[in-house]
Amino acid sequence: MKLSISDQLNFAELSRDYNPLHIDRVRARRYIFGEPVAHGLNVVLLAMSAYLKRVEGPQGIATLKCRFIKPIYLEKFFTFDFKNKAGLQEDVRIDVLQSSEVKIRLEFQLNPAHSTVPSINFDEDSHHWPVKPENFSLDQLGGYRGKTRCGIDPDLVLKVYGKHLVNAIGLTQISELIS
C-alpha cells in the first residue's frame, strides 16, 4: 500500500489537520523530513482496518498504544506485519514497515464482549448519522460559550477506510481516535 497527497487531503478533512508537512509538497521540503509524510494516525487506522478484516463481528478497542518511530513517506510502499500476542486474536501488535524497516508499531486489545457498535445498513437511503462538525470563524469562537456538537463525516470515513472498519469499531470510536 502507499499513500498520496490526495489520500492525505482526505484524512486532513476528517481530522482537520492541515499541517503542510502532510499535504504540501513544496512547503514540506522546508521541514525536517524534506518531503511530505503521512499522518501517523491515518496509517494507524489503515493498519487497524486491514487487521479487522480478519476478525468476525463488531469489536470494541479496549486499549491502543502507538510508537511512531520514523515517518511514512508518501508515494512509497509500506506493509503491515500482524502478530497476535500469546496467540490471542484479541491481543494484537502491528508493525508498519517501509523499506523493510519498522516505522510505526501499534498494539491494541480488542474487547468484542463489550462492543457497542450498532448494526448499520449502508444500502438504506435514509441514514441517521452523527452531525457533521461545525465550522466557526475565529471571531465566532472568541465569544462562544457552551457546548458545540462534534462529529465526523461518515461518507468520507467510508471512502477512506471502507465499510469494514466502520462495521468493526463504529463511527464513535473512529471519531474518538481521530480527535
Protein backbone atom coordinates (compact mmCIF):
# COMPACT_ATOMS: atom_id res chain seq x y z
CA MET A 1 0.00 0.00 0.00
CA LYS A 2 1.10 3.58 -0.50
CA LEU A 3 -0.42 6.96 0.25
CA SER A 4 -0.68 10.02 -1.98
CA ILE A 5 -1.27 13.71 -1.32
CA SER A 6 -4.91 13.05 -2.25
CA ASP A 7 -5.15 10.39 0.49
CA GLN A 8 -3.61 12.84 2.94
CA LEU A 9 -6.08 15.56 1.97
CA ASN A 10 -8.96 13.16 2.71
CA PHE A 11 -7.53 12.46 6.16
CA ALA A 12 -6.89 16.18 6.70
CA GLU A 13 -10.57 16.82 6.01
CA LEU A 14 -11.56 14.16 8.56
CA SER A 15 -9.12 15.27 11.25
CA ARG A 16 -8.93 18.99 10.44
CA ASP A 17 -5.13 18.60 10.50
CA TYR A 18 -3.94 20.60 7.51
CA ASN A 19 -0.28 20.71 8.52
CA PRO A 20 1.73 21.35 5.30
CA LEU A 21 4.16 18.63 6.42
CA HIS A 22 1.46 16.16 5.33
CA ILE A 23 -0.28 17.80 2.39
CA ASP A 24 2.01 20.30 0.61
CA ARG A 25 4.99 19.03 -1.41
CA VAL A 26 6.66 22.45 -1.71
CA ARG A 27 6.28 23.60 1.89
CA ALA A 28 7.09 20.15 3.28
CA ARG A 29 10.58 20.43 1.73
CA ARG A 30 11.36 23.08 4.36
CA TYR A 31 10.56 20.73 7.25
CA ILE A 32 12.70 18.13 8.96
CA PHE A 33 11.95 15.24 6.58
CA GLY A 34 12.39 17.20 3.34
CA GLU A 35 9.22 15.81 1.78
CA PRO A 36 5.59 15.16 2.78
CA VAL A 37 4.98 12.36 5.25
CA ALA A 38 1.78 10.52 6.15
CA HIS A 39 -0.39 11.49 9.08
CA GLY A 40 0.60 8.81 11.59
CA LEU A 41 -2.96 8.26 12.72
CA ASN A 42 -4.10 7.75 9.14
CA VAL A 43 -1.62 4.87 8.84
CA VAL A 44 -2.72 3.50 12.23
CA LEU A 45 -6.37 3.44 11.14
CA LEU A 46 -5.43 1.79 7.84
CA ALA A 47 -3.45 -0.87 9.73
CA MET A 48 -6.32 -1.49 12.15
CA SER A 49 -8.75 -1.71 9.23
CA ALA A 50 -6.54 -4.27 7.48
CA TYR A 51 -6.32 -6.36 10.65
CA LEU A 52 -10.01 -6.13 11.48
CA LYS A 53 -10.88 -7.63 8.09
CA ARG A 54 -9.61 -10.90 9.62
CA VAL A 55 -11.89 -10.68 12.67
CA GLU A 56 -15.60 -11.50 12.73
CA GLY A 57 -18.23 -9.19 14.12
CA PRO A 58 -18.16 -5.87 15.93
CA GLN A 59 -15.24 -5.13 18.21
CA GLY A 60 -14.51 -2.64 20.92
CA ILE A 61 -10.99 -1.28 21.21
CA ALA A 62 -10.07 -1.63 24.87
CA THR A 63 -6.51 -0.24 24.67
CA LEU A 64 -4.32 1.30 21.99
CA LYS A 65 -0.63 2.09 22.19
CA CYS A 66 1.30 3.57 19.25
CA ARG A 67 5.00 4.23 18.75
CA PHE A 68 5.82 6.47 15.84
CA ILE A 69 9.44 5.51 15.22
CA LYS A 70 10.08 7.06 11.82
CA PRO A 71 7.89 8.76 9.22
CA ILE A 72 5.99 7.00 6.46
CA TYR A 73 6.85 8.75 3.20
CA LEU A 74 4.18 9.33 0.58
CA GLU A 75 4.22 7.52 -2.77
CA LYS A 76 6.42 4.76 -1.28
CA PHE A 77 5.06 1.32 -0.49
CA PHE A 78 4.58 0.18 3.09
CA THR A 79 3.27 -3.06 4.54
CA PHE A 80 1.68 -4.36 7.72
CA ASP A 81 3.08 -7.22 9.79
CA PHE A 82 0.37 -8.66 12.07
CA LYS A 83 1.18 -10.56 15.25
CA ASN A 84 -1.13 -11.87 17.93
CA LYS A 85 0.42 -11.85 21.39
CA ALA A 86 0.26 -15.21 23.10
CA GLY A 87 -1.78 -16.47 20.16
CA LEU A 88 -4.83 -14.44 21.20
CA GLN A 89 -6.86 -12.83 18.42
CA GLU A 90 -7.83 -10.02 20.80
CA ASP A 91 -4.24 -9.01 21.69
CA VAL A 92 -2.66 -7.51 18.58
CA ARG A 93 0.65 -5.99 17.51
CA ILE A 94 1.06 -4.47 14.08
CA ASP A 95 4.35 -3.24 12.68
CA VAL A 96 4.15 -0.84 9.77
CA LEU A 97 7.18 -1.37 7.57
CA GLN A 98 8.62 0.74 4.79
CA SER A 99 11.84 -0.35 3.06
CA SER A 100 11.92 -3.36 5.46
CA GLU A 101 12.20 -1.02 8.45
CA VAL A 102 9.66 -0.69 11.26
CA LYS A 103 8.26 2.83 11.11
CA ILE A 104 5.19 2.53 13.36
CA ARG A 105 4.37 -0.08 15.98
CA LEU A 106 0.87 -0.29 17.34
CA GLU A 107 -0.53 -2.58 19.96
CA PHE A 108 -4.17 -2.86 20.81
CA GLN A 109 -6.58 -5.09 22.61
CA LEU A 110 -9.99 -5.90 21.27
CA ASN A 111 -12.94 -6.34 23.55
CA PRO A 112 -15.69 -7.99 21.49
CA ALA A 113 -17.75 -8.84 24.57
CA HIS A 114 -18.18 -5.15 25.38
CA SER A 115 -18.60 -3.81 21.87
CA THR A 116 -21.36 -1.26 21.40
CA VAL A 117 -21.10 -0.95 17.63
CA PRO A 118 -24.60 -0.66 16.18
CA SER A 119 -25.59 -2.66 13.16
CA ILE A 120 -25.56 -0.37 10.14
CA ASN A 121 -27.28 -0.97 6.82
CA PHE A 122 -25.32 1.06 4.27
CA ASP A 123 -27.79 0.38 1.49
CA GLU A 124 -30.56 2.47 3.03
CA ASP A 125 -31.07 5.95 1.67
CA SER A 126 -32.07 7.42 5.00
CA HIS A 127 -29.15 7.45 7.44
CA HIS A 128 -29.31 8.79 10.95
CA TRP A 129 -25.64 9.75 11.12
CA PRO A 130 -23.92 11.90 13.71
CA VAL A 131 -23.88 15.54 12.72
CA LYS A 132 -21.04 16.86 10.65
CA PRO A 133 -18.60 19.12 12.54
CA GLU A 134 -19.49 22.77 12.92
CA ASN A 135 -17.11 25.31 11.43
CA PHE A 136 -16.70 28.51 13.41
CA SER A 137 -14.62 31.53 12.47
CA LEU A 138 -12.08 32.83 15.00
CA ASP A 139 -14.39 35.78 15.71
CA GLN A 140 -17.28 33.42 16.45
CA LEU A 141 -15.09 31.26 18.70
CA GLY A 142 -13.90 34.29 20.66
CA GLY A 143 -17.36 34.96 22.02
CA TYR A 144 -18.61 31.38 22.10
CA ARG A 145 -19.82 29.86 25.35
CA GLY A 146 -21.36 26.47 25.97
CA LYS A 147 -21.16 23.23 24.02
CA THR A 148 -20.72 22.53 20.35
CA ARG A 149 -21.52 19.36 18.50
CA CYS A 150 -18.63 17.20 17.42
CA GLY A 151 -18.99 14.72 14.62
CA ILE A 152 -17.29 13.04 11.75
CA ASP A 153 -18.23 12.87 8.09
CA PRO A 154 -19.41 9.25 7.71
CA ASP A 155 -19.31 9.33 3.91
CA LEU A 156 -15.67 10.37 3.97
CA VAL A 157 -14.84 7.70 6.57
CA LEU A 158 -16.40 5.10 4.26
CA LYS A 159 -14.44 6.48 1.30
CA VAL A 160 -11.11 6.42 3.15
CA TYR A 161 -11.41 3.25 5.27
CA GLY A 162 -14.35 1.30 3.83
CA LYS A 163 -17.36 -0.34 5.44
CA HIS A 164 -15.34 -2.91 7.31
CA LEU A 165 -13.67 -0.55 9.79
CA VAL A 166 -16.96 1.24 10.45
CA ASN A 167 -18.78 -2.06 11.00
CA ALA A 168 -15.98 -3.40 13.21
CA ILE A 169 -15.41 -0.49 15.62
CA GLY A 170 -18.09 2.07 14.74
CA LEU A 171 -18.07 5.75 13.88
CA THR A 172 -17.89 6.75 17.54
CA GLN A 173 -14.57 5.00 18.15
CA ILE A 174 -13.18 6.22 14.82
CA SER A 175 -14.17 9.77 15.77
CA GLU A 176 -12.60 9.38 19.21
CA LEU A 177 -9.34 8.12 17.69
CA ILE A 178 -9.16 10.97 15.19
CA SER A 179 -9.97 13.62 17.75
